[in-house]
Protein backbone atom coordinates (compact mmCIF):
# COMPACT_ATOMS: atom_id res chain seq x y z
CA MET A 1 30.79 150.54 181.31
CA THR A 2 32.33 149.00 184.01
CA MET A 3 31.04 148.07 186.91
CA THR A 4 29.94 150.69 189.93
CA ASN A 5 31.12 149.34 194.28
CA GLU A 6 27.69 148.51 194.22
CA GLU A 7 27.43 145.88 191.84
CA ALA A 8 30.84 144.40 192.16
CA VAL A 9 29.74 143.86 195.92
CA GLU A 10 26.00 142.57 194.73
CA LEU A 11 28.33 140.11 192.52
CA VAL A 12 30.81 139.16 195.67
CA ALA A 13 27.96 138.85 197.35
CA TYR A 14 26.22 136.51 195.06
CA LEU A 15 29.40 134.13 194.64
CA ASN A 16 29.71 134.07 198.11
CA ARG A 17 26.21 132.69 198.92
CA ALA A 18 26.99 130.14 195.91
CA GLY A 19 30.15 129.14 198.37
CA LEU A 20 32.88 130.70 195.38
CA VAL A 21 34.49 132.66 197.15
CA ILE A 22 34.91 133.85 201.34
CA ALA A 23 34.09 137.68 200.98
CA MET A 24 36.07 139.82 202.45
CA GLU A 25 36.19 143.27 203.39
CA GLY A 26 37.33 145.66 200.50
CA GLN A 27 36.88 142.55 198.20
CA ALA A 28 34.12 143.78 196.10
CA ALA A 29 37.04 147.12 194.71
CA VAL A 30 39.36 143.67 193.73
CA TRP A 31 37.67 142.11 191.79
CA ARG A 32 35.36 145.89 190.47
CA ASP A 33 39.68 146.71 189.45
CA SER A 34 40.36 143.51 188.04
CA LEU A 35 37.52 143.21 186.17
CA TYR A 36 37.41 146.55 184.96
CA ASP A 37 36.05 145.93 181.20
CA VAL A 38 33.72 143.56 182.20
CA THR A 39 29.55 144.63 182.81
CA PHE A 40 27.90 143.83 185.37
CA ALA A 41 25.16 142.48 183.16
CA ASP A 42 27.90 139.97 181.96
CA ALA A 43 29.20 139.37 184.85
CA GLN A 44 25.84 138.50 186.47
CA VAL A 45 25.77 135.92 184.03
CA ALA A 46 28.92 134.34 183.84
CA ALA A 47 28.57 134.00 187.48
CA ARG A 48 25.35 132.05 186.83
CA GLU A 49 27.17 129.88 184.25
CA MET A 50 30.08 129.61 186.88
CA VAL A 51 27.42 128.15 189.50
CA ARG A 52 25.19 125.49 187.85
CA ALA A 53 28.36 124.55 186.09
CA GLY A 54 30.11 124.19 189.39
CA ALA A 55 33.55 125.83 187.16
CA VAL A 56 35.51 126.02 190.38
CA ARG A 57 36.32 122.85 192.43
CA GLU A 58 38.22 122.12 195.80
CA ARG A 59 39.60 126.22 195.53
CA PHE A 60 37.87 129.54 195.76
CA ALA A 61 36.98 131.56 192.67
CA THR A 62 38.88 134.29 191.01
CA PRO A 63 38.04 137.46 189.10
CA ALA A 64 40.32 135.62 186.73
CA ASP A 65 37.65 132.58 186.62
CA LEU A 66 34.62 135.29 186.07
CA PHE A 67 37.07 136.54 183.47
CA ARG A 68 36.93 133.68 180.98
CA ALA A 69 33.85 132.60 182.10
CA VAL A 70 32.63 136.43 180.21
CA LYS A 71 35.14 135.90 177.48
CA ARG A 72 32.96 132.36 176.89
CA LEU A 73 29.57 133.95 176.88
CA ARG A 74 30.77 136.97 174.73
CA ALA A 75 31.92 134.13 172.25
CA GLY A 76 29.09 132.79 172.10
CA ARG A 77 26.77 135.27 171.12
CA ILE A 78 29.32 136.20 168.82
CA GLY A 79 29.34 132.98 167.25
CA GLY A 80 32.22 132.81 164.85
CA ARG A 81 30.85 136.31 162.51
CA VAL A 82 32.03 138.79 160.92
CA ALA A 83 31.77 142.43 160.45
CA PRO A 84 30.57 143.47 157.53
CA ALA A 85 32.12 145.94 155.16
CA PRO A 86 31.34 149.31 156.50
CA PRO A 87 28.91 151.10 154.45
CA MET A 88 31.63 153.76 152.88
CA PRO A 89 36.00 153.06 151.67
CA LEU A 90 37.80 153.75 155.46
CA GLU A 91 40.91 154.67 156.42
CA PRO A 92 42.74 151.34 157.74
CA ALA A 93 42.58 152.49 161.25
CA ALA A 94 39.00 153.35 160.89
CA GLU A 95 37.92 150.44 158.89
CA LEU A 96 39.39 148.34 161.64
CA LEU A 97 38.07 150.09 164.86
CA PHE A 98 34.32 149.29 163.15
CA GLY A 99 35.10 145.68 162.87
CA ARG A 100 35.90 145.71 166.37
CA ALA A 101 32.93 147.94 167.46
CA TYR A 102 30.63 145.24 165.41
CA LEU A 103 31.63 142.64 167.33
CA TRP A 104 31.68 144.14 170.72
CA ALA A 105 28.28 144.90 170.09
CA LEU A 106 26.98 141.29 169.09
CA GLY A 107 29.44 140.30 172.23
CA SER A 108 27.07 142.42 174.29
CA GLY A 109 24.37 140.41 172.60
CA ALA A 110 23.28 143.28 170.31
CA THR A 111 21.35 141.99 167.41
CA GLU A 112 23.40 142.31 163.58
CA GLU A 113 21.15 145.71 162.62
CA GLN A 114 21.76 147.05 166.34
CA ALA A 115 25.78 146.17 166.13
CA ASP A 116 25.50 147.74 162.64
CA ALA A 117 24.32 150.86 163.68
CA VAL A 118 26.39 151.19 166.85
CA ALA A 119 29.59 151.14 164.30
CA CYS A 120 28.65 152.84 161.75
CA LYS A 121 28.19 155.40 164.99
CA ARG A 122 31.69 154.78 166.20
CA VAL A 123 33.17 155.85 162.94
CA GLY A 124 31.15 158.30 162.12
CA VAL A 125 29.33 157.32 159.42
CA GLU A 126 25.91 156.01 158.39
CA ARG A 127 25.17 153.47 156.86
CA GLN A 128 21.80 153.32 153.24
CA ALA A 129 18.63 151.84 154.02
CA LEU A 130 18.13 149.72 150.78
CA ALA A 131 15.31 148.67 149.24
CA GLY A 132 13.85 145.95 148.92
CA PRO A 133 14.03 142.58 151.81
CA GLY A 134 15.11 142.29 154.99
CA ARG A 135 17.11 139.26 157.07
CA ASN A 136 13.74 138.02 157.10
CA PRO A 137 14.02 134.73 155.29
CA ARG A 138 9.87 134.82 154.45
CA GLU A 139 10.54 138.93 153.08
CA ILE A 140 13.61 137.32 150.89
CA ILE A 141 11.31 134.02 149.56
CA GLU A 142 8.53 136.80 148.66
CA ALA A 143 10.65 138.87 147.03
CA ALA A 144 12.37 136.35 145.30
CA ALA A 145 9.28 134.76 143.53
CA ALA A 146 8.07 138.34 142.63
CA ALA A 147 11.09 139.05 141.14
CA LEU A 148 10.73 135.80 139.37
CA VAL A 149 6.46 136.91 137.92
CA ASP A 150 7.91 139.97 137.07
CA GLU A 151 10.74 138.22 134.48
CA ARG A 152 8.61 135.66 133.40
CA ARG A 153 5.76 138.53 132.52
CA GLU A 154 9.15 140.57 130.40
CA CYS A 155 10.85 137.23 129.28
CA GLY A 156 7.03 136.26 127.85
CA GLY A 157 6.84 139.81 126.23
CA ARG A 158 9.61 139.66 124.75
CA GLN A 159 8.09 136.11 123.52
CA GLU A 160 5.53 137.59 122.09
CA ALA A 161 6.76 140.82 120.07
CA MET A 162 9.64 137.90 118.44
CA ASP A 163 6.38 135.92 117.11
CA GLY A 164 5.28 138.57 115.82
CA GLU A 165 7.94 139.52 113.70
């Protein structure tokens, strides 16, 4: 969702109060148009980071400065992760769309599960829930321990049967 006029005015006012821009009439519209694919939430976080870091010195901030800060913010949220395979084979274009939607959702602050749901919805598929442990490490450890116990029981029963022959 792109920024509204009111949100752009609020953003420019924040940067003005921080001394990074000199607010002028119509400036917010330019910022909104320049940042057409940046959400207000991401712009706010990036603006705070710019102010904290003193991102621009000896000149005023521009929409390009904020756009680069948003790109860094989103890249940090993605953290080098890659999209999982879609739940079913897809055409190459749909598979590419799935991966892009997944990474976009991660960059927007979604969890991996939420990002997968967004990507599945975007390409019109549904991932079936698999039985077994979730991503919680405790669940994985408990499931592995239970599997080992079951395997020992099964192997022990075979050993007794072999001893009886």
